[in-house]
PDB file of all heavy atoms in Angstrom:
ATOM      1  N   SER A   1     155.727 -25.271 148.930  1.00  0.00           N
ATOM      2  CA  SER A   1     156.787 -26.068 148.321  1.00  0.00           C
ATOM      3  C   SER A   1     158.027 -25.208 148.183  1.00  0.00           C
ATOM      4  O   SER A   1     157.932 -23.980 148.075  1.00  0.00           O
ATOM      5  CB  SER A   1     156.343 -26.552 146.934  1.00  0.00           C
ATOM      6  OG  SER A   1     157.436 -27.085 146.212  1.00  0.00           O
ATOM      7  N   VAL A   2     159.177 -25.857 148.136  1.00  0.00           N
ATOM      8  CA  VAL A   2     160.410 -25.110 147.863  1.00  0.00           C
ATOM      9  C   VAL A   2     160.323 -24.426 146.510  1.00  0.00           C
ATOM     10  O   VAL A   2     161.027 -23.456 146.246  1.00  0.00           O
ATOM     11  CB  VAL A   2     161.658 -26.007 147.937  1.00  0.00           C
ATOM     12  CG1 VAL A   2     161.837 -26.555 149.336  1.00  0.00           C
ATOM     13  CG2 VAL A   2     161.624 -27.118 146.922  1.00  0.00           C
ATOM     14  N   ALA A   3     159.421 -24.895 145.657  1.00  0.00           N
ATOM     15  CA  ALA A   3     159.252 -24.293 144.325  1.00  0.00           C
ATOM     16  C   ALA A   3     158.785 -22.846 144.405  1.00  0.00           C
ATOM     17  O   ALA A   3     158.938 -22.099 143.443  1.00  0.00           O
ATOM     18  CB  ALA A   3     158.269 -25.114 143.487  1.00  0.00           C
ATOM     19  N   SER A   4     158.248 -22.426 145.549  1.00  0.00           N
ATOM     20  CA  SER A   4     157.818 -21.032 145.709  1.00  0.00           C
ATOM     21  C   SER A   4     159.004 -20.077 145.735  1.00  0.00           C
ATOM     22  O   SER A   4     158.857 -18.894 145.447  1.00  0.00           O
ATOM     23  CB  SER A   4     157.004 -20.856 146.987  1.00  0.00           C
ATOM     24  OG  SER A   4     157.841 -20.977 148.128  1.00  0.00           O
ATOM     25  N   ALA A   5     160.166 -20.589 146.107  1.00  0.00           N
ATOM     26  CA  ALA A   5     161.336 -19.735 146.274  1.00  0.00           C
ATOM     27  C   ALA A   5     162.499 -20.100 145.360  1.00  0.00           C
ATOM     28  O   ALA A   5     163.419 -19.327 145.201  1.00  0.00           O
ATOM     29  CB  ALA A   5     161.819 -19.812 147.722  1.00  0.00           C
ATOM     30  N   LYS A   6     162.453 -21.279 144.770  1.00  0.00           N
ATOM     31  CA  LYS A   6     163.576 -21.770 143.986  1.00  0.00           C
ATOM     32  C   LYS A   6     163.107 -21.985 142.551  1.00  0.00           C
ATOM     33  O   LYS A   6     162.181 -22.748 142.315  1.00  0.00           O
ATOM     34  CB  LYS A   6     164.076 -23.089 144.571  1.00  0.00           C
ATOM     35  CG  LYS A   6     165.344 -23.592 143.958  1.00  0.00           C
ATOM     36  CD  LYS A   6     166.236 -24.101 145.069  1.00  0.00           C
ATOM     37  CE  LYS A   6     167.564 -24.528 144.545  1.00  0.00           C
ATOM     38  NZ  LYS A   6     168.641 -23.692 145.008  1.00  0.00           N
ATOM     39  N   GLY A   7     163.739 -21.315 141.626  1.00  0.00           N
ATOM     40  CA  GLY A   7     163.381 -21.504 140.223  1.00  0.00           C
ATOM     41  C   GLY A   7     163.812 -22.878 139.724  1.00  0.00           C
ATOM     42  O   GLY A   7     164.984 -23.224 139.821  1.00  0.00           O
ATOM     43  N   THR A   8     162.868 -23.638 139.246  1.00  0.00           N
ATOM     44  CA  THR A   8     163.154 -24.978 138.743  1.00  0.00           C
ATOM     45  C   THR A   8     162.628 -25.085 137.319  1.00  0.00           C
ATOM     46  O   THR A   8     161.453 -24.774 137.073  1.00  0.00           O
ATOM     47  CB  THR A   8     162.473 -26.046 139.635  1.00  0.00           C
ATOM     48  OG1 THR A   8     162.900 -25.857 140.983  1.00  0.00           O
ATOM     49  CG2 THR A   8     162.835 -27.449 139.190  1.00  0.00           C
ATOM     50  N   PRO A   9     163.474 -25.497 136.381  1.00  0.00           N
ATOM     51  CA  PRO A   9     163.015 -25.624 134.997  1.00  0.00           C
ATOM     52  C   PRO A   9     161.750 -26.485 134.894  1.00  0.00           C
ATOM     53  O   PRO A   9     161.626 -27.499 135.576  1.00  0.00           O
ATOM     54  CB  PRO A   9     164.197 -26.295 134.291  1.00  0.00           C
ATOM     55  CG  PRO A   9     165.385 -25.960 135.127  1.00  0.00           C
ATOM     56  CD  PRO A   9     164.878 -25.894 136.541  1.00  0.00           C
ATOM     57  N   ALA A  10     160.825 -26.051 134.086  1.00  0.00           N
ATOM     58  CA  ALA A  10     159.556 -26.747 133.809  1.00  0.00           C
ATOM     59  C   ALA A  10     158.567 -26.693 134.977  1.00  0.00           C
ATOM     60  O   ALA A  10     157.540 -27.358 134.935  1.00  0.00           O
ATOM     61  CB  ALA A  10     159.791 -28.197 133.379  1.00  0.00           C
ATOM     62  N   PHE A  11     158.852 -25.916 136.012  1.00  0.00           N
ATOM     63  CA  PHE A  11     157.956 -25.826 137.161  1.00  0.00           C
ATOM     64  C   PHE A  11     157.485 -24.399 137.404  1.00  0.00           C
ATOM     65  O   PHE A  11     157.123 -24.040 138.524  1.00  0.00           O
ATOM     66  CB  PHE A  11     158.649 -26.366 138.426  1.00  0.00           C
ATOM     67  CG  PHE A  11     158.669 -27.861 138.514  1.00  0.00           C
ATOM     68  CD1 PHE A  11     159.651 -28.588 137.880  1.00  0.00           C
ATOM     69  CD2 PHE A  11     157.691 -28.536 139.221  1.00  0.00           C
ATOM     70  CE1 PHE A  11     159.676 -29.967 137.960  1.00  0.00           C
ATOM     71  CE2 PHE A  11     157.693 -29.912 139.307  1.00  0.00           C
ATOM     72  CZ  PHE A  11     158.701 -30.644 138.673  1.00  0.00           C
ATOM     73  N   ALA A  12     157.468 -23.571 136.376  1.00  0.00           N
ATOM     74  CA  ALA A  12     157.121 -22.157 136.549  1.00  0.00           C
ATOM     75  C   ALA A  12     155.708 -21.961 137.082  1.00  0.00           C
ATOM     76  O   ALA A  12     155.497 -21.200 138.036  1.00  0.00           O
ATOM     77  CB  ALA A  12     157.300 -21.401 135.234  1.00  0.00           C
ATOM     78  N   VAL A  13     154.737 -22.631 136.516  1.00  0.00           N
ATOM     79  CA  VAL A  13     153.346 -22.454 136.951  1.00  0.00           C
ATOM     80  C   VAL A  13     153.154 -23.019 138.349  1.00  0.00           C
ATOM     81  O   VAL A  13     152.514 -22.394 139.206  1.00  0.00           O
ATOM     82  CB  VAL A  13     152.371 -23.093 135.941  1.00  0.00           C
ATOM     83  CG1 VAL A  13     150.944 -23.064 136.465  1.00  0.00           C
ATOM     84  CG2 VAL A  13     152.469 -22.382 134.601  1.00  0.00           C
ATOM     85  N   TYR A  14     153.740 -24.178 138.609  1.00  0.00           N
ATOM     86  CA  TYR A  14     153.656 -24.780 139.942  1.00  0.00           C
ATOM     87  C   TYR A  14     154.287 -23.846 140.974  1.00  0.00           C
ATOM     88  O   TYR A  14     153.698 -23.572 142.016  1.00  0.00           O
ATOM     89  CB  TYR A  14     154.349 -26.140 139.949  1.00  0.00           C
ATOM     90  CG  TYR A  14     154.347 -26.827 141.287  1.00  0.00           C
ATOM     91  CD1 TYR A  14     153.188 -27.401 141.792  1.00  0.00           C
ATOM     92  CD2 TYR A  14     155.507 -26.909 142.049  1.00  0.00           C
ATOM     93  CE1 TYR A  14     153.182 -28.032 143.028  1.00  0.00           C
ATOM     94  CE2 TYR A  14     155.517 -27.537 143.279  1.00  0.00           C
ATOM     95  CZ  TYR A  14     154.356 -28.097 143.763  1.00  0.00           C
ATOM     96  OH  TYR A  14     154.342 -28.718 144.982  1.00  0.00           O
ATOM     97  N   GLY A  15     155.482 -23.338 140.676  1.00  0.00           N
ATOM     98  CA  GLY A  15     156.163 -22.429 141.585  1.00  0.00           C
ATOM     99  C   GLY A  15     155.354 -21.167 141.829  1.00  0.00           C
ATOM    100  O   GLY A  15     155.270 -20.671 142.960  1.00  0.00           O
ATOM    101  N   ALA A  16     154.756 -20.629 140.777  1.00  0.00           N
ATOM    102  CA  ALA A  16     153.937 -19.429 140.915  1.00  0.00           C
ATOM    103  C   ALA A  16     152.711 -19.699 141.790  1.00  0.00           C
ATOM    104  O   ALA A  16     152.319 -18.854 142.604  1.00  0.00           O
ATOM    105  CB  ALA A  16     153.507 -18.910 139.547  1.00  0.00           C
ATOM    106  N   SER A  17     152.118 -20.872 141.646  1.00  0.00           N
ATOM    107  CA  SER A  17     150.950 -21.190 142.466  1.00  0.00           C
ATOM    108  C   SER A  17     151.335 -21.308 143.936  1.00  0.00           C
ATOM    109  O   SER A  17     150.573 -20.905 144.818  1.00  0.00           O
ATOM    110  CB  SER A  17     150.266 -22.470 141.977  1.00  0.00           C
ATOM    111  OG  SER A  17     151.049 -23.617 142.268  1.00  0.00           O
ATOM    112  N   LYS A  18     152.515 -21.836 144.225  1.00  0.00           N
ATOM    113  CA  LYS A  18     152.968 -21.951 145.614  1.00  0.00           C
ATOM    114  C   LYS A  18     153.360 -20.589 146.177  1.00  0.00           C
ATOM    115  O   LYS A  18     153.173 -20.318 147.362  1.00  0.00           O
ATOM    116  CB  LYS A  18     154.117 -22.955 145.729  1.00  0.00           C
ATOM    117  CG  LYS A  18     153.695 -24.385 145.415  1.00  0.00           C
ATOM    118  CD  LYS A  18     152.527 -24.830 146.282  1.00  0.00           C
ATOM    119  CE  LYS A  18     152.118 -26.257 146.000  1.00  0.00           C
ATOM    120  NZ  LYS A  18     151.074 -26.726 146.921  1.00  0.00           N
ATOM    121  N   ALA A  19     153.890 -19.706 145.344  1.00  0.00           N
ATOM    122  CA  ALA A  19     154.172 -18.338 145.784  1.00  0.00           C
ATOM    123  C   ALA A  19     152.861 -17.605 146.103  1.00  0.00           C
ATOM    124  O   ALA A  19     152.799 -16.791 147.028  1.00  0.00           O
ATOM    125  CB  ALA A  19     154.972 -17.583 144.728  1.00  0.00           C
ATOM    126  N   ALA A  20     151.808 -17.905 145.352  1.00  0.00           N
ATOM    127  CA  ALA A  20     150.495 -17.317 145.632  1.00  0.00           C
ATOM    128  C   ALA A  20     149.979 -17.786 146.993  1.00  0.00           C
ATOM    129  O   ALA A  20     149.396 -16.984 147.741  1.00  0.00           O
ATOM    130  CB  ALA A  20     149.506 -17.671 144.535  1.00  0.00           C
ATOM    131  N   ILE A  21     150.210 -19.038 147.324  1.00  0.00           N
ATOM    132  CA  ILE A  21     149.811 -19.559 148.637  1.00  0.00           C
ATOM    133  C   ILE A  21     150.507 -18.756 149.732  1.00  0.00           C
ATOM    134  O   ILE A  21     149.894 -18.359 150.724  1.00  0.00           O
ATOM    135  CB  ILE A  21     150.160 -21.059 148.759  1.00  0.00           C
ATOM    136  CG1 ILE A  21     149.382 -21.907 147.753  1.00  0.00           C
ATOM    137  CG2 ILE A  21     149.988 -21.563 150.194  1.00  0.00           C
ATOM    138  CD1 ILE A  21     147.903 -21.954 147.960  1.00  0.00           C
ATOM    139  N   ARG A  22     151.799 -18.512 149.558  1.00  0.00           N
ATOM    140  CA  ARG A  22     152.559 -17.714 150.527  1.00  0.00           C
ATOM    141  C   ARG A  22     151.946 -16.318 150.668  1.00  0.00           C
ATOM    142  O   ARG A  22     151.803 -15.786 151.763  1.00  0.00           O
ATOM    143  CB  ARG A  22     154.026 -17.628 150.098  1.00  0.00           C
ATOM    144  CG  ARG A  22     154.887 -16.844 151.071  1.00  0.00           C
ATOM    145  CD  ARG A  22     156.329 -16.744 150.624  1.00  0.00           C
ATOM    146  NE  ARG A  22     156.414 -16.012 149.376  1.00  0.00           N
ATOM    147  CZ  ARG A  22     157.116 -16.410 148.307  1.00  0.00           C
ATOM    148  NH1 ARG A  22     157.786 -17.526 148.325  1.00  0.00           N
ATOM    149  NH2 ARG A  22     157.144 -15.666 147.222  1.00  0.00           N
ATOM    150  N   ASN A  23     151.529 -15.735 149.547  1.00  0.00           N
ATOM    151  CA  ASN A  23     150.935 -14.403 149.585  1.00  0.00           C
ATOM    152  C   ASN A  23     149.584 -14.420 150.298  1.00  0.00           C
ATOM    153  O   ASN A  23     149.273 -13.493 151.056  1.00  0.00           O
ATOM    154  CB  ASN A  23     150.808 -13.851 148.168  1.00  0.00           C
ATOM    155  CG  ASN A  23     150.445 -12.392 148.178  1.00  0.00           C
ATOM    156  OD1 ASN A  23     149.277 -12.049 148.296  1.00  0.00           O
ATOM    157  ND2 ASN A  23     151.451 -11.538 148.060  1.00  0.00           N
ATOM    158  N   PHE A  24     148.775 -15.453 150.073  1.00  0.00           N
ATOM    159  CA  PHE A  24     147.503 -15.571 150.788  1.00  0.00           C
ATOM    160  C   PHE A  24     147.752 -15.554 152.298  1.00  0.00           C
ATOM    161  O   PHE A  24     147.070 -14.864 153.050  1.00  0.00           O
ATOM    162  CB  PHE A  24     146.775 -16.879 150.445  1.00  0.00           C
ATOM    163  CG  PHE A  24     146.185 -16.952 149.072  1.00  0.00           C
ATOM    164  CD1 PHE A  24     145.993 -18.192 148.474  1.00  0.00           C
ATOM    165  CD2 PHE A  24     145.797 -15.823 148.361  1.00  0.00           C
ATOM    166  CE1 PHE A  24     145.437 -18.294 147.211  1.00  0.00           C
ATOM    167  CE2 PHE A  24     145.239 -15.920 147.099  1.00  0.00           C
ATOM    168  CZ  PHE A  24     145.057 -17.166 146.526  1.00  0.00           C
ATOM    169  N   VAL A  25     148.721 -16.331 152.741  1.00  0.00           N
ATOM    170  CA  VAL A  25     149.018 -16.436 154.167  1.00  0.00           C
ATOM    171  C   VAL A  25     149.432 -15.091 154.739  1.00  0.00           C
ATOM    172  O   VAL A  25     148.998 -14.707 155.827  1.00  0.00           O
ATOM    173  CB  VAL A  25     150.105 -17.512 154.396  1.00  0.00           C
ATOM    174  CG1 VAL A  25     150.799 -17.351 155.728  1.00  0.00           C
ATOM    175  CG2 VAL A  25     149.474 -18.898 154.301  1.00  0.00           C
ATOM    176  N   ARG A  26     150.243 -14.356 154.019  1.00  0.00           N
ATOM    177  CA  ARG A  26     150.661 -13.041 154.505  1.00  0.00           C
ATOM    178  C   ARG A  26     149.474 -12.091 154.588  1.00  0.00           C
ATOM    179  O   ARG A  26     149.353 -11.304 155.530  1.00  0.00           O
ATOM    180  CB  ARG A  26     151.765 -12.487 153.606  1.00  0.00           C
ATOM    181  CG  ARG A  26     153.061 -13.241 153.795  1.00  0.00           C
ATOM    182  CD  ARG A  26     154.129 -12.786 152.859  1.00  0.00           C
ATOM    183  NE  ARG A  26     155.357 -13.530 153.111  1.00  0.00           N
ATOM    184  CZ  ARG A  26     156.397 -13.486 152.329  1.00  0.00           C
ATOM    185  NH1 ARG A  26     156.403 -12.722 151.245  1.00  0.00           N
ATOM    186  NH2 ARG A  26     157.469 -14.196 152.614  1.00  0.00           N
ATOM    187  N   ARG A  27     148.589 -12.174 153.610  1.00  0.00           N
ATOM    188  CA  ARG A  27     147.398 -11.317 153.632  1.00  0.00           C
ATOM    189  C   ARG A  27     146.490 -11.692 154.801  1.00  0.00           C
ATOM    190  O   ARG A  27     146.004 -10.830 155.533  1.00  0.00           O
ATOM    191  CB  ARG A  27     146.642 -11.460 152.305  1.00  0.00           C
ATOM    192  CG  ARG A  27     145.500 -10.455 152.191  1.00  0.00           C
ATOM    193  CD  ARG A  27     144.585 -10.759 151.062  1.00  0.00           C
ATOM    194  NE  ARG A  27     143.650 -11.774 151.534  1.00  0.00           N
ATOM    195  CZ  ARG A  27     142.966 -12.598 150.762  1.00  0.00           C
ATOM    196  NH1 ARG A  27     143.099 -12.548 149.452  1.00  0.00           N
ATOM    197  NH2 ARG A  27     142.136 -13.481 151.257  1.00  0.00           N
ATOM    198  N   TRP A  28     146.258 -12.995 155.003  1.00  0.00           N
ATOM    199  CA  TRP A  28     145.392 -13.428 156.097  1.00  0.00           C
ATOM    200  C   TRP A  28     145.993 -13.079 157.449  1.00  0.00           C
ATOM    201  O   TRP A  28     145.264 -12.803 158.396  1.00  0.00           O
ATOM    202  CB  TRP A  28     145.099 -14.920 156.002  1.00  0.00           C
ATOM    203  CG  TRP A  28     144.184 -15.273 154.875  1.00  0.00           C
ATOM    204  CD1 TRP A  28     143.138 -14.544 154.406  1.00  0.00           C
ATOM    205  CD2 TRP A  28     144.256 -16.426 154.047  1.00  0.00           C
ATOM    206  NE1 TRP A  28     142.547 -15.178 153.340  1.00  0.00           N
ATOM    207  CE2 TRP A  28     143.214 -16.344 153.101  1.00  0.00           C
ATOM    208  CE3 TRP A  28     145.090 -17.538 154.014  1.00  0.00           C
ATOM    209  CZ2 TRP A  28     142.984 -17.320 152.143  1.00  0.00           C
ATOM    210  CZ3 TRP A  28     144.868 -18.517 153.052  1.00  0.00           C
ATOM    211  CH2 TRP A  28     143.821 -18.402 152.130  1.00  0.00           C
ATOM    212  N   THR A  29     147.311 -13.068 157.547  1.00  0.00           N
ATOM    213  CA  THR A  29     147.955 -12.685 158.805  1.00  0.00           C
ATOM    214  C   THR A  29     147.499 -11.297 159.230  1.00  0.00           C
ATOM    215  O   THR A  29     147.192 -11.060 160.400  1.00  0.00           O
ATOM    216  CB  THR A  29     149.491 -12.733 158.641  1.00  0.00           C
ATOM    217  OG1 THR A  29     149.884 -14.086 158.422  1.00  0.00           O
ATOM    218  CG2 THR A  29     150.195 -12.201 159.868  1.00  0.00           C
ATOM    219  N   VAL A  30     147.427 -10.392 158.277  1.00  0.00           N
ATOM    220  CA  VAL A  30     146.997  -9.022 158.575  1.00  0.00           C
ATOM    221  C   VAL A  30     145.484  -8.945 158.749  1.00  0.00           C
ATOM    222  O   VAL A  30     144.983  -8.337 159.689  1.00  0.00           O
ATOM    223  CB  VAL A  30     147.470  -8.067 157.452  1.00  0.00           C
ATOM    224  CG1 VAL A  30     146.923  -6.671 157.652  1.00  0.00           C
ATOM    225  CG2 VAL A  30     148.993  -8.046 157.375  1.00  0.00           C
ATOM    226  N   GLU A  31     144.757  -9.592 157.868  1.00  0.00           N
ATOM    227  CA  GLU A  31     143.292  -9.488 157.892  1.00  0.00           C
ATOM    228  C   GLU A  31     142.658 -10.186 159.085  1.00  0.00           C
ATOM    229  O   GLU A  31     141.567  -9.795 159.511  1.00  0.00           O
ATOM    230  CB  GLU A  31     142.704 -10.063 156.603  1.00  0.00           C
ATOM    231  CG  GLU A  31     142.990  -9.219 155.376  1.00  0.00           C
ATOM    232  CD  GLU A  31     142.423  -9.825 154.106  1.00  0.00           C
ATOM    233  OE1 GLU A  31     141.889 -10.950 154.132  1.00  0.00           O
ATOM    234  OE2 GLU A  31     142.525  -9.155 153.064  1.00  0.00           O
ATOM    235  N   LEU A  32     143.300 -11.209 159.629  1.00  0.00           N
ATOM    236  CA  LEU A  32     142.688 -11.993 160.700  1.00  0.00           C
ATOM    237  C   LEU A  32     143.281 -11.708 162.071  1.00  0.00           C
ATOM    238  O   LEU A  32     142.968 -12.401 163.043  1.00  0.00           O
ATOM    239  CB  LEU A  32     142.806 -13.493 160.380  1.00  0.00           C
ATOM    240  CG  LEU A  32     142.108 -13.928 159.095  1.00  0.00           C
ATOM    241  CD1 LEU A  32     142.416 -15.377 158.770  1.00  0.00           C
ATOM    242  CD2 LEU A  32     140.604 -13.703 159.196  1.00  0.00           C
ATOM    243  N   LYS A  33     144.101 -10.683 162.169  1.00  0.00           N
ATOM    244  CA  LYS A  33     144.757 -10.400 163.454  1.00  0.00           C
ATOM    245  C   LYS A  33     143.744 -10.105 164.551  1.00  0.00           C
ATOM    246  O   LYS A  33     143.969 -10.459 165.710  1.00  0.00           O
ATOM    247  CB  LYS A  33     145.780  -9.279 163.311  1.00  0.00           C
ATOM    248  CG  LYS A  33     145.194  -7.926 162.996  1.00  0.00           C
ATOM    249  CD  LYS A  33     146.299  -6.895 162.817  1.00  0.00           C
ATOM    250  CE  LYS A  33     145.689  -5.555 162.461  1.00  0.00           C
ATOM    251  NZ  LYS A  33     146.727  -4.562 162.205  1.00  0.00           N
ATOM    252  N   HIS A  34     142.621  -9.489 164.202  1.00  0.00           N
ATOM    253  CA  HIS A  34     141.609  -9.184 165.219  1.00  0.00           C
ATOM    254  C   HIS A  34     140.989 -10.459 165.808  1.00  0.00           C
ATOM    255  O   HIS A  34     140.453 -10.428 166.905  1.00  0.00           O
ATOM    256  CB  HIS A  34     140.521  -8.274 164.635  1.00  0.00           C
ATOM    257  CG  HIS A  34     139.691  -8.925 163.567  1.00  0.00           C
ATOM    258  ND1 HIS A  34     140.157  -9.116 162.279  1.00  0.00           N
ATOM    259  CD2 HIS A  34     138.457  -9.461 163.615  1.00  0.00           C
ATOM    260  CE1 HIS A  34     139.229  -9.731 161.571  1.00  0.00           C
ATOM    261  NE2 HIS A  34     138.180  -9.948 162.351  1.00  0.00           N
TER     262      HIS A  34
END
């Protein structure tokens, strides 16, 4: 969601959860390259 990158009032937890999704993807990019 755009909430991962854009601070929106009352959406802090939602935004943080979407930022975590982005972090999972970056981690899997490295871990699954083989």
